[in-house]
C-alpha atoms as a PDB file:
ATOM      1  CA  UNK A   1      19.578  -9.024 -15.387  1.00  0.00           C
ATOM      2  CA  UNK A   2      20.239  -8.729 -11.559  1.00  0.00           C
ATOM      3  CA  UNK A   3      18.334  -7.189  -8.762  1.00  0.00           C
ATOM      4  CA  UNK A   4      19.291  -4.800  -6.311  1.00  0.00           C
ATOM      5  CA  UNK A   5      17.741  -3.252  -3.204  1.00  0.00           C
ATOM      6  CA  UNK A   6      18.696  -0.370  -1.415  1.00  0.00           C
ATOM      7  CA  UNK A   7      17.386   0.546   2.139  1.00  0.00           C
ATOM      8  CA  UNK A   8      18.149   4.100   2.718  1.00  0.00           C
ATOM      9  CA  UNK A   9      17.451   5.553   6.388  1.00  0.00           C
ATOM     10  CA  UNK A  10      16.224   8.828   4.787  1.00  0.00           C
ATOM     11  CA  UNK A  11      15.814  10.508   1.566  1.00  0.00           C
ATOM     12  CA  UNK A  12      18.855  11.661   0.124  1.00  0.00           C
ATOM     13  CA  UNK A  13      20.944   8.536   1.930  1.00  0.00           C
ATOM     14  CA  UNK A  14      20.417   6.421  -1.391  1.00  0.00           C
ATOM     15  CA  UNK A  15      22.149   9.146  -3.459  1.00  0.00           C
ATOM     16  CA  UNK A  16      24.648  10.224  -1.498  1.00  0.00           C
ATOM     17  CA  UNK A  17      25.805   6.591  -0.382  1.00  0.00           C
ATOM     18  CA  UNK A  18      25.346   4.286  -3.312  1.00  0.00           C
ATOM     19  CA  UNK A  19      23.837   6.728  -6.043  1.00  0.00           C
ATOM     20  CA  UNK A  20      26.676   6.167  -8.311  1.00  0.00           C
ATOM     21  CA  UNK A  21      26.754   2.424  -8.396  1.00  0.00           C
ATOM     22  CA  UNK A  22      23.088   1.916  -8.501  1.00  0.00           C
ATOM     23  CA  UNK A  23      23.070   4.233 -11.508  1.00  0.00           C
ATOM     24  CA  UNK A  24      25.827   1.878 -13.188  1.00  0.00           C
ATOM     25  CA  UNK A  25      24.048  -0.870 -12.383  1.00  0.00           C
ATOM     26  CA  UNK A  26      20.536   0.613 -13.844  1.00  0.00           C
ATOM     27  CA  UNK A  27      22.758   1.519 -17.239  1.00  0.00           C
ATOM     28  CA  UNK A  28      23.780  -1.489 -17.705  1.00  0.00           C
ATOM     29  CA  UNK A  29      19.958  -2.936 -17.720  1.00  0.00           C
ATOM     30  CA  UNK A  30      19.654  -4.424 -14.127  1.00  0.00           C
ATOM     31  CA  UNK A  31      16.591  -3.502 -11.652  1.00  0.00           C
ATOM     32  CA  UNK A  32      17.382  -1.448  -8.775  1.00  0.00           C
ATOM     33  CA  UNK A  33      14.624  -1.090  -6.075  1.00  0.00           C
ATOM     34  CA  UNK A  34      14.901   1.397  -3.171  1.00  0.00           C
ATOM     35  CA  UNK A  35      13.330   1.604   0.464  1.00  0.00           C
ATOM     36  CA  UNK A  36      13.500   4.919   1.936  1.00  0.00           C
ATOM     37  CA  UNK A  37      12.658   4.315   5.871  1.00  0.00           C
ATOM     38  CA  UNK A  38      11.976   7.839   7.030  1.00  0.00           C
ATOM     39  CA  UNK A  39      11.256  10.882   5.620  1.00  0.00           C
ATOM     40  CA  UNK A  40      11.944  14.649   7.625  1.00  0.00           C
ATOM     41  CA  UNK A  41       9.082  17.195   7.989  1.00  0.00           C
ATOM     42  CA  UNK A  42      10.508  19.446   5.563  1.00  0.00           C
ATOM     43  CA  UNK A  43      11.312  17.097   3.124  1.00  0.00           C
ATOM     44  CA  UNK A  44       9.426  17.923  -0.164  1.00  0.00           C
ATOM     45  CA  UNK A  45       7.748  14.882  -1.726  1.00  0.00           C
ATOM     46  CA  UNK A  46       8.270  16.439  -5.352  1.00  0.00           C
ATOM     47  CA  UNK A  47      12.150  16.850  -4.828  1.00  0.00           C
ATOM     48  CA  UNK A  48      12.089  13.377  -3.483  1.00  0.00           C
ATOM     49  CA  UNK A  49      10.392  11.833  -6.602  1.00  0.00           C
ATOM     50  CA  UNK A  50      12.494  13.846  -8.864  1.00  0.00           C
ATOM     51  CA  UNK A  51      15.712  12.756  -7.418  1.00  0.00           C
ATOM     52  CA  UNK A  52      14.564   9.035  -7.334  1.00  0.00           C
ATOM     53  CA  UNK A  53      12.427   8.538 -10.734  1.00  0.00           C
ATOM     54  CA  UNK A  54      15.256   6.811 -12.183  1.00  0.00           C
ATOM     55  CA  UNK A  55      15.285   3.874  -9.746  1.00  0.00           C
ATOM     56  CA  UNK A  56      13.276   0.785 -10.963  1.00  0.00           C
ATOM     57  CA  UNK A  57      10.709   1.060  -8.204  1.00  0.00           C
ATOM     58  CA  UNK A  58      10.610   3.611  -5.045  1.00  0.00           C
ATOM     59  CA  UNK A  59       9.012   2.909  -1.943  1.00  0.00           C
ATOM     60  CA  UNK A  60       8.494   5.435   0.941  1.00  0.00           C
ATOM     61  CA  UNK A  61       7.886   4.013   4.522  1.00  0.00           C
ATOM     62  CA  UNK A  62       5.517   6.250   6.620  1.00  0.00           C
ATOM     63  CA  UNK A  63       7.918   6.717   9.432  1.00  0.00           C
ATOM     64  CA  UNK A  64       8.900  10.473  10.328  1.00  0.00           C
ATOM     65  CA  UNK A  65      12.356  11.125  11.112  1.00  0.00           C
ATOM     66  CA  UNK A  66      12.642  12.877  14.610  1.00  0.00           C
ATOM     67  CA  UNK A  67      16.251  12.251  14.997  1.00  0.00           C
ATOM     68  CA  UNK A  68      17.202  16.070  14.342  1.00  0.00           C
ATOM     69  CA  UNK A  69      14.489  17.248  17.095  1.00  0.00           C
ATOM     70  CA  UNK A  70      16.077  14.912  19.346  1.00  0.00           C
ATOM     71  CA  UNK A  71      19.519  16.422  18.809  1.00  0.00           C
ATOM     72  CA  UNK A  72      18.198  19.897  18.878  1.00  0.00           C
ATOM     73  CA  UNK A  73      16.053  19.455  21.999  1.00  0.00           C
ATOM     74  CA  UNK A  74      18.271  17.303  24.345  1.00  0.00           C
ATOM     75  CA  UNK A  75      21.901  16.989  22.934  1.00  0.00           C
ATOM     76  CA  UNK A  76      22.425  20.487  22.148  1.00  0.00           C
ATOM     77  CA  UNK A  77      21.078  21.693  25.567  1.00  0.00           C
ATOM     78  CA  UNK A  78      23.513  20.063  27.154  1.00  0.00           C
ATOM     79  CA  UNK A  79      26.616  21.369  25.193  1.00  0.00           C
ATOM     80  CA  UNK A  80      28.613  23.993  26.975  1.00  0.00           C
ATOM     81  CA  UNK A  81      29.715  26.606  24.595  1.00  0.00           C
ATOM     82  CA  UNK A  82      33.087  28.136  25.319  1.00  0.00           C
ATOM     83  CA  UNK A  83      33.988  31.374  23.665  1.00  0.00           C
ATOM     84  CA  UNK A  84      37.938  32.072  23.722  1.00  0.00           C
ATOM     85  CA  UNK A  85      39.264  35.488  23.053  1.00  0.00           C
END
C-alpha cells in the first residue's frame, strides 16, 4: 500500500486537478490524503465534505481565499472596456 498527499489551494482544485488519479489509487487500496489550503467565503462546508468524503483524510486549513476580491476590486477597475459596433 502506498500513501499519497494532495495539496490543493482551494476546495475543488483537488478534484479538478487529480481527482481521477486519486480515485484510481484509492480503488487500488492506497491511501490518499488531502490538504485544502483555503476556502472561499461562499464555499459550502457540506458540499466540500460530500465531494471529498472518499479520500482517506481531509484537512482544511483556516485561510480565507481573497483572490477573487483582489481581482474584482483592483484588477477589473483598471481594465478599460471597449465596445466595437
